Structures are given as structure tokens and as C-alpha cells.
Amino acid sequence: MSRISPLRWFGLVAAIVLSFSAAASAQDAFKQFKQLDSTPKMPKLNAFIAPGTSTAPASTLHDVALEAKLSADGQPLQQGLSWYVFSPIAGPDGKLPLLASSSGGSAAFQLAPGDYFVNVSFGRAGVTKKLTVPIKGETQKQVMVLDAGGMLLNAVSGSDVRIPPDELSFSIYSNDVKEDGTRGLVMADVKPNTLVGLGAGTYHVVSEYGNVNAVIRADIQVEAGHVTEATIQHRAAKITLKLVADAGGEAMADTAWSILTAAGDIVGESVSAFPTLILAEGKYSAVARNKDRIFQRDFTVVAGRNTDVEVLMKEQQPQDAPAPDTAPEVEAIPQARQLPAQAQTPQQGQQSVPQTQEPLPSGDSGTSMD
């Protein structure tokens, strides 16, 4: 099942990744940074002295303009960028000193002649290049290509049941598997409808609905200059348990619950009159303990069907009605600029992860769209 809608961006991407191995910690390096006064003619620009130079007259400073694009043929971004200027000479701590920083869109600095490293990041995507400011002549505008795009994630339960955002989270991992079988974490606890800037490539996404066993995995590809929008289909539902004397009666307090799979594995426990759990589609047993008495009922979870499960304080328990065939229909994905995710099904449940890629508008940021 797909959810395709035009993308709107709001806010500012604040996440920072330095793309070279000797990169300095921005917060630590910033403590050593000393900003010089700007010249009267350029009040909005920051003036900095090249490494190894104690002073420099304003007449020797050069205007350096920088802009960044998501792809070589894209338009310059006007928001969501973080710029950093580093000295190429490591400090006593072995780190490259941070000389200047700027946030927003295109940047401009006044720099003394010398060598610098310039880093620009957009979300989790970044690129670094060496900049040489000549003693004489003008410095050409520096255009940096991020080779990046965006990922926008959402999910539904069953065929089209919207999942509340506070019950859903995503984790984005590298698609490369290490020797120990793990993947590198790119970003954790990503909320629905949050645009994440990422370098072009394939990523492994883990979607968690609730905190029990409703987990879906998918490999999703990001294309430079575009937003990949994916809606993941969870095969799960929200179940509320009640221990009652008679059908439709009042729930008994001080009840301890255990939820077991058909194989007998415990997946959840609670002490409450009305425990609510989000469970992957399948067959379960609910075991209720109240005043040294134990009652048990088997029940079935159907994807997208949130329901109450009553356990009677009797030996005979009600039987579930036969579940309808709720297997998801996977819609055909249009070929135009769309890349299907390679679904991977965890313990229980199935998924359909249609994607669409829309051109990433220049000048937008990467924050929540809720």
C-alpha cells in the first residue's frame, strides 16, 4: 500500500556530520575559536586569519562565497545547511581547529590568504574540500555537491489504519553488514513525517510499532536531489485485555497478565486492569492471575483490527470468530523515478513499502512535518 503526497519542508536541519577522518569535534573546537571584527564594508561577513598569521590588514582579506547543491544539476540550497571552516594544521590535541561556522543556505566569509578545509552538511550527508585563498586575485565561488537526497518515513497498520506518531519510531542503518552481523546506526528514533537528509545510497530501515514485537524491516534507496517517501505496512494491532466475571462486565483490578505466543514464548507482561499491548499479527494466549486464581484464553490478532480481549473468570472461554483473509495487496509501483524497497519480514507480519521520489526543493530544511 502506498502513500504518495507532495512534500513540504519546515524548520532547520541541525544534525552535523563531518566527512573527513581527522575532523574536529565542533563543540570542543569552537571553544578555541576567536572571531575577528568584520570590516565596515562587509558587516554581515566574518573575517578570519589564516593559520600561522598573527595579524592581517582588512585590505588583504578576500571575500569567499560558498554554495551547496544536492546534485550536480540541482539548484543551490537556501536552508538546512551547516558550514564549517577548519585549519589544515592539527592543534596540540591532534584535532583540526574550527575557525568559522555558519548555518542556513549559501555562506560567505572574509578569509586571509592561506589554506583551509571547508565542510558542509545537510542532515546526515556531508562533504569536505580543501580551499586555497590566493594572496592576489579573486577567489572563485565554491560550489559543493553533496550527492544527497531525503527520506520521509511513515507507516500504517493493516491496510490503511493510521498509527499515532507517538507509538511509532524508525531507525536508519547502513546497508552494509559488518563481520559480526551488525549494521552501522545512521540515525535512531526518527519520528514519522520527519525529513532526514542522507547521502545517496541504500539504507536499512527498522520500523517499530509499540514496544513488544511489531517490527518491520526494509531496504530503502535514496537518490541524489530527490526525496524518497516510503509508507511501511505493519501487520499488527492494538489489543486491550480485561478479566471479567461475565461478558461485558467490569474489569477486575490487581490482575497480573502474561502474553504468550503460539509457541509458548512470553512476549509481554503487565499488572493492570486494562493493559494495552501492540502485537504482531498471529495467535496468542492471555494468562490472567487474580487472587491466586489463573484464567487463560487463546486469541488471534488481525492486522489493523484494534480490539478488546475479555478473559472470563470461568473454565469455558469465548472463541474468536474466524479471521477474514486480510493479506495485503501490493500495488504496482510506477516506474517513473520510483525505487521499490526490498522487504524483509521479521518474526511475524508482512509489509509493503512503496516509495515515490519527488524533486527535493531547494531552500527547505529537514524537520518534522506534523
Foldseek 3Di string as FASTA:
>chain_A
DFDDDDADFDDAQDDDDFDDPQADDVVVLVVVEDWDQDDPVCRPATEFEAPPDDDDDNVQWAKEKEFEALAPPGDTFFFHKKKWKWHPDADPVSHTHTHDIDHGGIHMHTYGFDKIKMKMDHFLFIDIDIDGDDRDDHGDHHYYHRQKEKEAEAEAWFAHHHAPQVQKFKWKFAPDADPVRDTHTRDGGHTHQWIGIDHFDKIKMWMGGHPFPFIWIWIDTTGGQKYKYKYKYTFKEKEKEFEAQDVPHQGDAQKKKFKAAPVGHTGDIDHGRIDMGIDHFHKIKIWIADPNDIFIDIDTTGIPDYDYDYTHPDNDGDDDDDDDPRDDDADDADPPQWDFIDTDGPDHTDIGIGIHIDRDDRHGGTGHPD
